């Protein structure tokens, strides 16, 4: 599903050149549950942005589902982000003025899904994360774990083939974090591909396979 070949990404910060990704090579097959682990500043966020088609590499090739990203138009990339990839962030990224139901419904509105179908799919997604009883609550009325469940439901509702999670347990206590990881295992058991980015070795160990990143270099052996 995902192949990175000699991918490089460089930033200039305060006159210094930072190699966020330095000839990174990686393969993730369809249906895998993979963690990408590394310390702060290792290049994890840059890797996530490139895999998620939120940014492009300076050098190298990123192949998604057999097609180089360079061959997609901007419109096609936007469609990939909205249909193929389910994003889950550490900070939840929920809109505070919207209810849980409305937050989950939002990507379906962008997809121009009919209202009746939206309602059905939102209800189904919130049931899967065991939050249908809180669908009328706004984020401030929910715990951190419940907010992350809403964020997972929002990712679920578009029925993506790839879930891309950036530190999904980072703002949660250990018990709540374990509940969220259980949800990821359920998603994986249902055939979804999961790429989980973390600095926490315990969280990374939950995946089938670990990929290490440090100073922009990628390896399956601890760096």
N, C-alpha and C. Protein backbone atom coordinates (compact mmCIF):
# COMPACT_ATOMS: atom_id res chain seq x y z
N UNK A 1 0.82 -1.21 0.00
CA UNK A 1 0.00 0.00 0.00
C UNK A 1 0.86 1.27 0.00
N UNK A 2 1.90 1.29 0.86
CA UNK A 2 2.75 2.47 1.01
C UNK A 2 4.21 2.09 0.76
N UNK A 3 4.85 2.80 -0.15
CA UNK A 3 6.28 2.60 -0.40
C UNK A 3 6.97 3.95 -0.47
N UNK A 4 7.97 4.14 0.39
CA UNK A 4 8.82 5.32 0.33
C UNK A 4 10.19 4.91 -0.14
N UNK A 5 10.72 5.59 -1.16
CA UNK A 5 12.03 5.27 -1.72
C UNK A 5 12.92 6.52 -1.68
N UNK A 6 13.95 6.46 -0.83
CA UNK A 6 14.93 7.55 -0.73
C UNK A 6 14.27 8.92 -0.56
N UNK A 7 13.28 8.98 0.32
CA UNK A 7 12.54 10.22 0.53
C UNK A 7 13.34 11.17 1.42
N UNK A 8 13.49 12.41 0.95
CA UNK A 8 14.20 13.45 1.71
C UNK A 8 13.29 14.65 1.89
N UNK A 9 13.40 15.27 3.06
CA UNK A 9 12.70 16.52 3.33
C UNK A 9 13.60 17.38 4.19
N UNK A 10 13.89 18.58 3.71
CA UNK A 10 14.82 19.47 4.39
C UNK A 10 14.15 20.80 4.70
N UNK A 11 14.41 21.31 5.90
CA UNK A 11 13.90 22.62 6.31
C UNK A 11 15.07 23.52 6.68
N UNK A 12 14.92 24.80 6.41
CA UNK A 12 15.91 25.79 6.86
C UNK A 12 15.31 26.55 8.03
N UNK A 13 15.91 26.40 9.21
CA UNK A 13 15.40 27.03 10.43
C UNK A 13 16.51 27.90 11.04
N UNK A 14 16.28 29.20 11.05
CA UNK A 14 17.24 30.12 11.64
C UNK A 14 18.64 30.01 11.05
N UNK A 15 18.70 29.79 9.76
CA UNK A 15 19.99 29.68 9.10
C UNK A 15 20.57 28.28 9.13
N UNK A 16 19.97 27.37 9.90
CA UNK A 16 20.43 25.98 9.95
C UNK A 16 19.59 25.11 9.02
N UNK A 17 20.24 24.11 8.45
CA UNK A 17 19.55 23.15 7.59
C UNK A 17 19.23 21.90 8.40
N UNK A 18 17.95 21.55 8.44
CA UNK A 18 17.50 20.38 9.20
C UNK A 18 17.00 19.32 8.22
N UNK A 19 17.61 18.14 8.30
CA UNK A 19 17.18 17.03 7.44
C UNK A 19 16.12 16.23 8.19
N UNK A 20 14.85 16.65 7.99
CA UNK A 20 13.74 16.00 8.70
C UNK A 20 13.59 14.55 8.26
N UNK A 21 13.80 14.28 6.98
CA UNK A 21 13.86 12.91 6.46
C UNK A 21 15.09 12.81 5.57
N UNK A 22 15.90 11.80 5.83
CA UNK A 22 17.19 11.66 5.15
C UNK A 22 17.26 10.32 4.42
N UNK A 23 16.84 10.33 3.14
CA UNK A 23 16.83 9.12 2.31
C UNK A 23 16.07 7.98 3.01
N UNK A 24 14.84 8.29 3.41
CA UNK A 24 14.00 7.31 4.13
C UNK A 24 13.40 6.29 3.16
N UNK A 25 13.49 5.02 3.56
CA UNK A 25 12.90 3.93 2.79
C UNK A 25 11.97 3.13 3.71
N UNK A 26 10.78 2.81 3.21
CA UNK A 26 9.81 2.11 4.04
C UNK A 26 8.75 1.47 3.17
N UNK A 27 8.30 0.28 3.58
CA UNK A 27 7.18 -0.40 2.90
C UNK A 27 6.16 -0.81 3.95
N UNK A 28 4.90 -0.45 3.75
CA UNK A 28 3.80 -0.88 4.60
C UNK A 28 2.76 -1.55 3.71
N UNK A 29 2.46 -2.81 4.01
CA UNK A 29 1.52 -3.56 3.18
C UNK A 29 0.09 -3.38 3.66
N UNK A 30 -0.83 -3.60 2.76
CA UNK A 30 -2.25 -3.47 3.08
C UNK A 30 -2.62 -4.42 4.22
N UNK A 31 -3.34 -3.90 5.21
CA UNK A 31 -3.79 -4.71 6.33
C UNK A 31 -2.81 -4.78 7.49
N UNK A 32 -1.65 -4.15 7.37
CA UNK A 32 -0.66 -4.17 8.45
C UNK A 32 -1.00 -3.16 9.54
N UNK A 33 -0.50 -3.44 10.74
CA UNK A 33 -0.57 -2.50 11.87
C UNK A 33 0.88 -2.19 12.22
N UNK A 34 1.32 -0.98 11.86
CA UNK A 34 2.72 -0.60 11.98
C UNK A 34 2.84 0.64 12.88
N UNK A 35 3.81 0.63 13.76
CA UNK A 35 4.10 1.83 14.55
C UNK A 35 5.40 2.44 14.04
N UNK A 36 5.42 3.77 14.02
CA UNK A 36 6.64 4.52 13.70
C UNK A 36 7.04 5.24 14.97
N UNK A 37 8.18 4.88 15.53
CA UNK A 37 8.58 5.39 16.83
C UNK A 37 9.90 6.15 16.76
N UNK A 38 9.95 7.24 17.50
CA UNK A 38 11.17 8.03 17.56
C UNK A 38 10.99 9.17 18.54
N UNK A 39 12.08 9.75 19.00
CA UNK A 39 12.01 10.87 19.96
C UNK A 39 11.50 12.14 19.29
N UNK A 40 11.22 13.14 20.10
CA UNK A 40 10.79 14.43 19.58
C UNK A 40 11.85 14.98 18.64
N UNK A 41 11.42 15.49 17.49
CA UNK A 41 12.37 16.06 16.52
C UNK A 41 13.03 15.04 15.62
N UNK A 42 12.57 13.79 15.68
CA UNK A 42 13.21 12.72 14.90
C UNK A 42 12.78 12.71 13.44
N UNK A 43 11.66 13.36 13.13
CA UNK A 43 11.13 13.34 11.76
C UNK A 43 9.79 12.66 11.65
N UNK A 44 9.21 12.26 12.82
CA UNK A 44 7.94 11.52 12.80
C UNK A 44 6.81 12.35 12.17
N UNK A 45 6.70 13.60 12.57
CA UNK A 45 5.60 14.44 12.06
C UNK A 45 5.75 14.68 10.57
N UNK A 46 6.98 14.87 10.13
CA UNK A 46 7.23 15.05 8.69
C UNK A 46 6.83 13.78 7.94
N UNK A 47 7.18 12.63 8.49
CA UNK A 47 6.80 11.35 7.89
C UNK A 47 5.28 11.24 7.79
N UNK A 48 4.58 11.59 8.88
CA UNK A 48 3.12 11.52 8.87
C UNK A 48 2.53 12.43 7.81
N UNK A 49 3.06 13.64 7.71
CA UNK A 49 2.53 14.60 6.74
C UNK A 49 2.71 14.12 5.30
N UNK A 50 3.83 13.46 5.04
CA UNK A 50 4.06 12.95 3.69
C UNK A 50 3.18 11.74 3.41
N UNK A 51 3.10 10.79 4.36
CA UNK A 51 2.24 9.61 4.17
C UNK A 51 0.78 10.06 3.99
N UNK A 52 0.37 11.07 4.75
CA UNK A 52 -1.00 11.55 4.69
C UNK A 52 -1.29 12.52 3.56
N UNK A 53 -0.32 12.73 2.68
CA UNK A 53 -0.48 13.63 1.53
C UNK A 53 -0.78 15.07 1.95
N UNK A 54 -0.28 15.43 3.14
CA UNK A 54 -0.41 16.80 3.62
C UNK A 54 0.80 17.63 3.22
N UNK A 55 1.88 16.94 2.83
CA UNK A 55 3.12 17.59 2.41
C UNK A 55 3.78 16.69 1.36
N UNK A 56 4.73 17.23 0.64
CA UNK A 56 5.43 16.45 -0.38
C UNK A 56 6.93 16.44 -0.08
N UNK A 57 7.59 15.39 -0.55
CA UNK A 57 9.03 15.24 -0.34
C UNK A 57 9.80 16.16 -1.28
N UNK A 58 11.02 16.53 -0.85
CA UNK A 58 11.91 17.31 -1.72
C UNK A 58 12.56 16.39 -2.75
N UNK A 59 12.86 15.17 -2.30
CA UNK A 59 13.49 14.18 -3.18
C UNK A 59 12.89 12.82 -2.86
N UNK A 60 13.08 11.88 -3.79
CA UNK A 60 12.60 10.52 -3.58
C UNK A 60 11.19 10.32 -4.09
N UNK A 61 10.66 9.13 -3.85
CA UNK A 61 9.36 8.73 -4.39
C UNK A 61 8.46 8.18 -3.29
N UNK A 62 7.22 8.60 -3.31
CA UNK A 62 6.19 8.05 -2.42
C UNK A 62 5.13 7.41 -3.31
N UNK A 63 4.98 6.09 -3.18
CA UNK A 63 4.00 5.35 -3.97
C UNK A 63 2.87 4.90 -3.05
N UNK A 64 1.66 5.30 -3.39
CA UNK A 64 0.47 4.93 -2.63
C UNK A 64 -0.45 4.12 -3.53
N UNK A 65 -0.74 2.89 -3.10
CA UNK A 65 -1.58 1.99 -3.90
C UNK A 65 -1.08 1.86 -5.33
N UNK A 66 0.24 1.75 -5.47
CA UNK A 66 0.84 1.48 -6.78
C UNK A 66 1.04 2.68 -7.67
N UNK A 67 0.65 3.87 -7.21
CA UNK A 67 0.79 5.07 -8.03
C UNK A 67 1.63 6.10 -7.29
N UNK A 68 2.60 6.68 -7.99
CA UNK A 68 3.43 7.71 -7.39
C UNK A 68 2.58 8.95 -7.09
N UNK A 69 2.78 9.51 -5.92
CA UNK A 69 2.02 10.70 -5.51
C UNK A 69 2.22 11.85 -6.50
N UNK A 70 3.39 11.89 -7.13
CA UNK A 70 3.67 12.95 -8.10
C UNK A 70 2.70 12.92 -9.28
N UNK A 71 2.09 11.75 -9.53
CA UNK A 71 1.18 11.61 -10.67
C UNK A 71 -0.25 12.02 -10.35
N UNK A 72 -0.52 12.34 -9.07
CA UNK A 72 -1.86 12.79 -8.69
C UNK A 72 -1.97 14.30 -8.83
N UNK A 73 -3.14 14.77 -9.22
CA UNK A 73 -3.41 16.21 -9.22
C UNK A 73 -3.76 16.65 -7.79
N UNK A 74 -3.77 17.96 -7.55
CA UNK A 74 -4.14 18.47 -6.23
C UNK A 74 -5.55 18.03 -5.85
N UNK A 75 -6.43 18.03 -6.83
CA UNK A 75 -7.82 17.61 -6.57
C UNK A 75 -7.86 16.13 -6.17
N UNK A 76 -7.07 15.32 -6.85
CA UNK A 76 -7.03 13.88 -6.53
C UNK A 76 -6.43 13.65 -5.15
N UNK A 77 -5.40 14.44 -4.79
CA UNK A 77 -4.80 14.32 -3.45
C UNK A 77 -5.80 14.69 -2.37
N UNK A 78 -6.61 15.73 -2.62
CA UNK A 78 -7.63 16.12 -1.66
C UNK A 78 -8.65 15.00 -1.48
N UNK A 79 -8.98 14.33 -2.57
CA UNK A 79 -9.93 13.21 -2.50
C UNK A 79 -9.34 12.05 -1.72
N UNK A 80 -8.04 11.79 -1.88
CA UNK A 80 -7.37 10.74 -1.12
C UNK A 80 -7.42 11.06 0.37
N UNK A 81 -7.13 12.31 0.73
CA UNK A 81 -7.15 12.71 2.14
C UNK A 81 -8.54 12.57 2.74
N UNK A 82 -9.56 12.81 1.94
CA UNK A 82 -10.93 12.82 2.45
C UNK A 82 -11.59 11.45 2.41
N UNK A 83 -11.12 10.56 1.54
CA UNK A 83 -11.78 9.26 1.36
C UNK A 83 -10.91 8.08 1.82
N UNK A 84 -9.64 8.12 1.49
CA UNK A 84 -8.78 6.95 1.71
C UNK A 84 -8.13 6.93 3.09
N UNK A 85 -7.87 8.12 3.66
CA UNK A 85 -7.10 8.20 4.91
C UNK A 85 -7.96 8.74 6.04
N UNK A 86 -7.94 8.03 7.17
CA UNK A 86 -8.61 8.51 8.38
C UNK A 86 -7.57 9.05 9.33
N UNK A 87 -7.57 10.37 9.56
CA UNK A 87 -6.58 11.01 10.43
C UNK A 87 -7.06 11.05 11.88
N UNK A 88 -6.16 10.70 12.80
CA UNK A 88 -6.46 10.77 14.23
C UNK A 88 -5.29 11.46 14.90
N UNK A 89 -5.57 12.60 15.57
CA UNK A 89 -4.50 13.42 16.12
C UNK A 89 -4.48 13.40 17.65
N UNK A 90 -3.32 13.73 18.19
CA UNK A 90 -3.15 13.79 19.65
C UNK A 90 -4.09 14.79 20.28
N UNK A 91 -4.30 15.92 19.62
CA UNK A 91 -5.11 17.00 20.19
C UNK A 91 -6.58 16.92 19.78
N UNK A 92 -6.97 15.79 19.18
CA UNK A 92 -8.36 15.47 18.81
C UNK A 92 -8.87 16.29 17.62
N UNK A 93 -8.54 17.60 17.59
CA UNK A 93 -8.96 18.49 16.49
C UNK A 93 -10.46 18.50 16.26
N UNK A 94 -11.23 18.48 17.35
CA UNK A 94 -12.67 18.59 17.24
C UNK A 94 -13.07 20.07 17.24
N UNK A 95 -14.15 20.39 16.54
CA UNK A 95 -14.64 21.77 16.54
C UNK A 95 -15.48 21.99 17.80
N UNK A 96 -15.10 22.95 18.66
CA UNK A 96 -15.70 23.09 19.99
C UNK A 96 -17.18 23.44 19.99
N UNK A 97 -17.65 24.11 18.95
CA UNK A 97 -19.05 24.54 18.94
C UNK A 97 -20.00 23.46 18.39
N UNK A 98 -19.41 22.38 17.87
CA UNK A 98 -20.23 21.31 17.31
C UNK A 98 -20.36 20.16 18.30
N UNK A 99 -21.48 19.46 18.24
CA UNK A 99 -21.68 18.27 19.06
C UNK A 99 -20.83 17.13 18.52
N UNK A 100 -20.76 16.06 19.28
CA UNK A 100 -20.04 14.86 18.82
C UNK A 100 -20.62 14.40 17.48
N UNK A 101 -21.93 14.37 17.39
CA UNK A 101 -22.59 13.95 16.15
C UNK A 101 -22.20 14.85 14.98
N UNK A 102 -22.20 16.15 15.20
CA UNK A 102 -21.89 17.10 14.14
C UNK A 102 -20.42 17.02 13.73
N UNK A 103 -19.52 16.80 14.69
CA UNK A 103 -18.09 16.66 14.38
C UNK A 103 -17.85 15.43 13.50
N UNK A 104 -18.53 14.34 13.83
CA UNK A 104 -18.35 13.10 13.06
C UNK A 104 -18.96 13.24 11.66
N UNK A 105 -20.04 14.01 11.58
CA UNK A 105 -20.75 14.17 10.31
C UNK A 105 -19.99 15.04 9.30
N UNK A 106 -19.15 15.93 9.80
CA UNK A 106 -18.52 16.96 8.96
C UNK A 106 -17.83 16.42 7.69
N UNK A 107 -16.96 15.39 7.79
CA UNK A 107 -16.31 14.92 6.56
C UNK A 107 -17.28 14.36 5.53
N UNK A 108 -18.44 13.87 5.98
CA UNK A 108 -19.43 13.35 5.04
C UNK A 108 -20.13 14.48 4.30
N UNK A 109 -20.25 15.64 4.98
CA UNK A 109 -20.81 16.82 4.30
C UNK A 109 -19.87 17.24 3.18
N UNK A 110 -18.55 17.22 3.46
CA UNK A 110 -17.57 17.56 2.42
C UNK A 110 -17.64 16.57 1.25
N UNK A 111 -18.02 15.33 1.56
CA UNK A 111 -18.13 14.31 0.50
C UNK A 111 -19.47 14.38 -0.23
N UNK A 112 -20.35 15.32 0.22
CA UNK A 112 -21.67 15.50 -0.40
C UNK A 112 -22.54 14.24 -0.28
N UNK A 113 -22.41 13.55 0.85
CA UNK A 113 -23.25 12.39 1.14
C UNK A 113 -24.64 12.89 1.54
N UNK A 114 -25.68 12.17 1.15
CA UNK A 114 -27.05 12.59 1.47
C UNK A 114 -27.26 12.62 2.98
N UNK A 115 -28.22 13.45 3.42
CA UNK A 115 -28.46 13.63 4.85
C UNK A 115 -28.85 12.33 5.54
N UNK A 116 -29.72 11.55 4.91
CA UNK A 116 -30.16 10.30 5.53
C UNK A 116 -29.01 9.32 5.68
N UNK A 117 -28.15 9.26 4.66
CA UNK A 117 -26.99 8.36 4.72
C UNK A 117 -25.99 8.85 5.76
N UNK A 118 -25.83 10.18 5.85
CA UNK A 118 -24.92 10.75 6.85
C UNK A 118 -25.37 10.36 8.25
N UNK A 119 -26.65 10.52 8.54
CA UNK A 119 -27.17 10.21 9.87
C UNK A 119 -26.95 8.74 10.22
N UNK A 120 -27.18 7.88 9.24
CA UNK A 120 -27.02 6.45 9.47
C UNK A 120 -25.56 6.09 9.77
N UNK A 121 -24.65 6.65 8.98
CA UNK A 121 -23.23 6.33 9.15
C UNK A 121 -22.64 6.94 10.41
N UNK A 122 -23.09 8.14 10.78
CA UNK A 122 -22.62 8.78 12.02
C UNK A 122 -23.06 7.95 13.22
N UNK A 123 -24.30 7.53 13.24
CA UNK A 123 -24.82 6.71 14.35
C UNK A 123 -24.02 5.41 14.46
N UNK A 124 -23.76 4.79 13.32
CA UNK A 124 -23.00 3.54 13.28
C UNK A 124 -21.58 3.75 13.81
N UNK A 125 -20.93 4.85 13.41
CA UNK A 125 -19.55 5.12 13.83
C UNK A 125 -19.48 5.38 15.33
N UNK A 126 -20.43 6.15 15.85
CA UNK A 126 -20.43 6.45 17.29
C UNK A 126 -20.78 5.21 18.11
N UNK A 127 -21.59 4.33 17.57
CA UNK A 127 -21.88 3.07 18.25
C UNK A 127 -20.63 2.20 18.34
N UNK A 128 -19.82 2.22 17.30
CA UNK A 128 -18.60 1.41 17.28
C UNK A 128 -17.60 1.84 18.35
N UNK A 129 -17.60 3.12 18.68
CA UNK A 129 -16.69 3.61 19.72
C UNK A 129 -17.42 3.78 21.06
N UNK A 130 -18.63 3.23 21.11
CA UNK A 130 -19.44 3.20 22.34
C UNK A 130 -19.72 4.60 22.89
N UNK A 131 -20.10 5.49 21.98
CA UNK A 131 -20.40 6.87 22.40
C UNK A 131 -21.73 7.38 21.84
N UNK A 132 -22.59 6.50 21.39
CA UNK A 132 -23.86 6.95 20.81
C UNK A 132 -24.71 7.69 21.84
N UNK A 133 -24.50 7.38 23.13
CA UNK A 133 -25.28 8.03 24.18
C UNK A 133 -24.78 9.45 24.49
N UNK A 134 -23.64 9.85 23.89
CA UNK A 134 -23.11 11.20 24.11
C UNK A 134 -23.07 12.02 22.82
N UNK A 135 -23.83 11.58 21.82
CA UNK A 135 -23.73 12.21 20.50
C UNK A 135 -24.18 13.68 20.51
N UNK A 136 -25.00 14.09 21.49
CA UNK A 136 -25.45 15.48 21.56
C UNK A 136 -24.56 16.37 22.39
N UNK A 137 -23.45 15.83 22.90
CA UNK A 137 -22.55 16.60 23.76
C UNK A 137 -21.44 17.27 22.96
N UNK A 138 -21.04 18.46 23.40
CA UNK A 138 -19.92 19.16 22.77
C UNK A 138 -18.61 18.70 23.41
N UNK A 139 -17.46 18.94 22.74
CA UNK A 139 -16.17 18.46 23.26
C UNK A 139 -15.89 18.83 24.71
N UNK A 140 -16.27 20.05 25.13
CA UNK A 140 -15.99 20.47 26.51
C UNK A 140 -16.80 19.68 27.53
N UNK A 141 -17.82 18.99 27.07
CA UNK A 141 -18.66 18.18 27.95
C UNK A 141 -18.22 16.71 27.98
N UNK A 142 -17.11 16.43 27.30
CA UNK A 142 -16.60 15.06 27.19
C UNK A 142 -15.21 14.97 27.82
N UNK A 143 -14.87 13.79 28.33
CA UNK A 143 -13.52 13.56 28.85
C UNK A 143 -12.54 13.46 27.68
N UNK A 144 -11.23 13.47 27.99
CA UNK A 144 -10.22 13.34 26.94
C UNK A 144 -10.39 12.05 26.16
N UNK A 145 -10.64 10.95 26.86
CA UNK A 145 -10.83 9.67 26.19
C UNK A 145 -12.05 9.67 25.29
N UNK A 146 -13.13 10.31 25.75
CA UNK A 146 -14.34 10.39 24.94
C UNK A 146 -14.11 11.26 23.71
N UNK A 147 -13.36 12.35 23.87
CA UNK A 147 -13.04 13.20 22.72
C UNK A 147 -12.24 12.43 21.68
N UNK A 148 -11.29 11.59 22.15
CA UNK A 148 -10.50 10.81 21.20
C UNK A 148 -11.37 9.77 20.50
N UNK A 149 -12.34 9.22 21.22
CA UNK A 149 -13.27 8.28 20.61
C UNK A 149 -14.11 8.97 19.51
N UNK A 150 -14.51 10.21 19.78
CA UNK A 150 -15.23 10.97 18.76
C UNK A 150 -14.33 11.18 17.54
N UNK A 151 -13.06 11.50 17.80
CA UNK A 151 -12.11 11.70 16.70
C UNK A 151 -11.93 10.41 15.89
N UNK A 152 -11.91 9.27 16.57
CA UNK A 152 -11.80 7.98 15.87
C UNK A 152 -13.07 7.71 15.06
N UNK A 153 -14.23 8.03 15.64
CA UNK A 153 -15.49 7.87 14.91
C UNK A 153 -15.51 8.75 13.67
N UNK A 154 -14.98 9.96 13.79
CA UNK A 154 -14.91 10.87 12.64
C UNK A 154 -14.03 10.28 11.54
N UNK A 155 -12.94 9.62 11.94
CA UNK A 155 -12.08 8.96 10.96
C UNK A 155 -12.77 7.73 10.37
N UNK A 156 -13.50 7.01 11.20
CA UNK A 156 -14.20 5.79 10.78
C UNK A 156 -15.29 6.06 9.75
N UNK A 157 -15.98 7.19 9.91
CA UNK A 157 -17.23 7.41 9.20
C UNK A 157 -17.04 7.49 7.68
N UNK A 158 -15.84 7.85 7.23
CA UNK A 158 -15.59 7.94 5.79
C UNK A 158 -15.17 6.59 5.20
N UNK A 159 -15.06 5.58 6.09
CA UNK A 159 -14.68 4.22 5.69
C UNK A 159 -13.35 4.20 4.94
N UNK A 160 -12.31 4.75 5.54
CA UNK A 160 -11.00 4.79 4.87
C UNK A 160 -10.33 3.41 4.88
N UNK A 161 -9.36 3.24 4.01
CA UNK A 161 -8.59 1.99 4.01
C UNK A 161 -7.34 2.12 4.87
N UNK A 162 -6.95 3.36 5.19
CA UNK A 162 -5.75 3.62 5.98
C UNK A 162 -6.07 4.56 7.13
N UNK A 163 -5.71 4.14 8.36
CA UNK A 163 -5.82 5.02 9.52
C UNK A 163 -4.42 5.51 9.88
N UNK A 164 -4.28 6.82 9.96
CA UNK A 164 -3.00 7.44 10.27
C UNK A 164 -3.15 8.18 11.60
N UNK A 165 -2.54 7.63 12.65
CA UNK A 165 -2.74 8.17 14.00
C UNK A 165 -1.44 8.76 14.53
N UNK A 166 -1.50 10.03 14.91
CA UNK A 166 -0.33 10.75 15.42
C UNK A 166 -0.45 10.92 16.93
N UNK A 167 0.33 10.16 17.69
CA UNK A 167 0.32 10.21 19.15
C UNK A 167 -1.11 10.15 19.70
N UNK A 168 -1.90 9.15 19.31
CA UNK A 168 -3.33 9.15 19.68
C UNK A 168 -3.60 8.99 21.17
N UNK A 169 -2.60 8.53 21.94
CA UNK A 169 -2.78 8.38 23.38
C UNK A 169 -1.98 9.42 24.16
N UNK A 170 -1.36 10.36 23.46
CA UNK A 170 -0.43 11.31 24.08
C UNK A 170 -1.04 12.19 25.15
N UNK A 171 -2.33 12.55 25.00
CA UNK A 171 -2.99 13.43 25.96
C UNK A 171 -3.89 12.67 26.94
N UNK A 172 -3.72 11.34 27.01
CA UNK A 172 -4.62 10.52 27.82
C UNK A 172 -3.88 9.82 28.95
N UNK A 173 -4.59 9.52 30.03
CA UNK A 173 -3.97 8.73 31.09
C UNK A 173 -3.80 7.29 30.61
N UNK A 174 -3.02 6.50 31.34
CA UNK A 174 -2.66 5.17 30.86
C UNK A 174 -3.87 4.26 30.67
N UNK A 175 -4.84 4.34 31.57
CA UNK A 175 -6.02 3.48 31.47
C UNK A 175 -6.85 3.82 30.24
N UNK A 176 -7.05 5.12 30.01
CA UNK A 176 -7.81 5.56 28.83
C UNK A 176 -7.04 5.25 27.56
N UNK A 177 -5.71 5.40 27.63
CA UNK A 177 -4.87 5.06 26.49
C UNK A 177 -5.01 3.60 26.09
N UNK A 178 -5.11 2.73 27.08
CA UNK A 178 -5.30 1.30 26.80
C UNK A 178 -6.63 1.04 26.10
N UNK A 179 -7.67 1.78 26.50
CA UNK A 179 -8.98 1.64 25.85
C UNK A 179 -8.91 2.06 24.38
N UNK A 180 -8.17 3.15 24.12
CA UNK A 180 -8.04 3.64 22.74
C UNK A 180 -7.24 2.63 21.91
N UNK A 181 -6.19 2.05 22.49
CA UNK A 181 -5.41 1.05 21.75
C UNK A 181 -6.25 -0.19 21.45
N UNK A 182 -7.16 -0.54 22.35
CA UNK A 182 -8.06 -1.66 22.09
C UNK A 182 -8.91 -1.38 20.85
N UNK A 183 -9.34 -0.13 20.70
CA UNK A 183 -10.10 0.25 19.50
C UNK A 183 -9.27 0.07 18.23
N UNK A 184 -7.99 0.45 18.30
CA UNK A 184 -7.12 0.28 17.13
C UNK A 184 -6.97 -1.20 16.78
N UNK A 185 -6.86 -2.05 17.79
CA UNK A 185 -6.77 -3.49 17.52
C UNK A 185 -8.05 -4.00 16.85
N UNK A 186 -9.19 -3.46 17.25
CA UNK A 186 -10.46 -3.86 16.63
C UNK A 186 -10.51 -3.39 15.17
N UNK A 187 -10.04 -2.17 14.91
CA UNK A 187 -9.99 -1.66 13.54
C UNK A 187 -9.08 -2.53 12.68
N UNK A 188 -7.95 -2.92 13.24
CA UNK A 188 -7.01 -3.76 12.53
C UNK A 188 -7.61 -5.13 12.25
N UNK A 189 -8.31 -5.69 13.24
CA UNK A 189 -8.95 -7.01 13.07
C UNK A 189 -10.00 -6.98 11.96
N UNK A 190 -10.55 -5.79 11.70
CA UNK A 190 -11.54 -5.64 10.63
C UNK A 190 -10.91 -5.42 9.27
N UNK A 191 -9.58 -5.52 9.19
CA UNK A 191 -8.88 -5.46 7.92
C UNK A 191 -8.29 -4.12 7.54
N UNK A 192 -8.35 -3.16 8.45
CA UNK A 192 -7.81 -1.83 8.14
C UNK A 192 -6.29 -1.78 8.30
N UNK A 193 -5.65 -0.96 7.49
CA UNK A 193 -4.23 -0.67 7.63
C UNK A 193 -4.08 0.47 8.63
N UNK A 194 -3.18 0.29 9.60
CA UNK A 194 -3.00 1.31 10.63
C UNK A 194 -1.53 1.69 10.72
N UNK A 195 -1.26 2.98 10.64
CA UNK A 195 0.08 3.51 10.87
C UNK A 195 -0.02 4.42 12.09
N UNK A 196 0.67 4.04 13.15
CA UNK A 196 0.57 4.76 14.42
C UNK A 196 1.92 5.38 14.74
N UNK A 197 1.94 6.69 14.90
CA UNK A 197 3.17 7.43 15.15
C UNK A 197 3.24 7.79 16.63
N UNK A 198 4.36 7.46 17.28
CA UNK A 198 4.44 7.65 18.73
C UNK A 198 5.89 7.78 19.19
N UNK A 199 6.07 8.35 20.38
CA UNK A 199 7.39 8.36 21.02
C UNK A 199 7.42 7.34 22.15
N UNK A 200 6.26 6.71 22.42
CA UNK A 200 6.09 5.81 23.56
C UNK A 200 6.33 4.37 23.13
N UNK A 201 7.38 3.76 23.69
CA UNK A 201 7.74 2.40 23.29
C UNK A 201 6.64 1.40 23.63
N UNK A 202 5.96 1.63 24.77
CA UNK A 202 4.88 0.73 25.16
C UNK A 202 3.75 0.74 24.16
N UNK A 203 3.40 1.93 23.66
CA UNK A 203 2.36 2.06 22.63
C UNK A 203 2.84 1.43 21.33
N UNK A 204 4.09 1.69 20.97
CA UNK A 204 4.65 1.13 19.72
C UNK A 204 4.64 -0.39 19.73
N UNK A 205 4.85 -0.98 20.89
CA UNK A 205 4.88 -2.45 21.01
C UNK A 205 3.53 -3.09 20.71
N UNK A 206 2.46 -2.29 20.73
CA UNK A 206 1.13 -2.82 20.44
C UNK A 206 0.98 -3.22 18.97
N UNK A 207 1.80 -2.63 18.12
CA UNK A 207 1.71 -2.90 16.68
C UNK A 207 2.38 -4.22 16.31
N UNK A 208 2.07 -4.70 15.12
CA UNK A 208 2.68 -5.93 14.61
C UNK A 208 4.16 -5.71 14.29
N UNK A 209 4.46 -4.49 13.87
CA UNK A 209 5.81 -4.20 13.40
C UNK A 209 6.18 -2.79 13.81
N UNK A 210 7.44 -2.60 14.21
CA UNK A 210 7.92 -1.28 14.60
C UNK A 210 8.95 -0.76 13.60
N UNK A 211 8.79 0.50 13.24
CA UNK A 211 9.76 1.19 12.39
C UNK A 211 10.34 2.33 13.22
N UNK A 212 11.65 2.40 13.29
CA UNK A 212 12.32 3.40 14.11
C UNK A 212 12.79 4.56 13.23
N UNK A 213 12.68 5.76 13.79
CA UNK A 213 13.17 6.95 13.09
C UNK A 213 13.95 7.83 14.06
N UNK A 214 15.11 8.28 13.62
CA UNK A 214 15.94 9.18 14.42
C UNK A 214 16.76 10.04 13.46
N UNK A 215 16.73 11.34 13.71
CA UNK A 215 17.46 12.30 12.85
C UNK A 215 17.14 12.09 11.38
N UNK A 216 15.87 11.76 11.10
CA UNK A 216 15.42 11.63 9.72
C UNK A 216 15.77 10.31 9.06
N UNK A 217 16.47 9.43 9.77
CA UNK A 217 16.85 8.13 9.20
C UNK A 217 15.88 7.05 9.71
N UNK A 218 15.50 6.15 8.82
CA UNK A 218 14.47 5.15 9.11
C UNK A 218 15.07 3.76 9.08
N UNK A 219 14.69 2.92 10.06
CA UNK A 219 15.20 1.57 10.11
C UNK A 219 14.22 0.68 10.89
N UNK A 220 14.27 -0.63 10.64
CA UNK A 220 13.48 -1.59 11.44
C UNK A 220 14.30 -2.10 12.60
N UNK A 221 15.50 -1.57 12.74
CA UNK A 221 16.37 -1.89 13.88
C UNK A 221 16.51 -0.62 14.70
N UNK A 222 16.44 -0.73 16.03
CA UNK A 222 16.50 0.45 16.89
C UNK A 222 17.76 1.25 16.61
N UNK A 223 17.57 2.57 16.38
CA UNK A 223 18.71 3.44 16.01
C UNK A 223 19.38 4.03 17.24
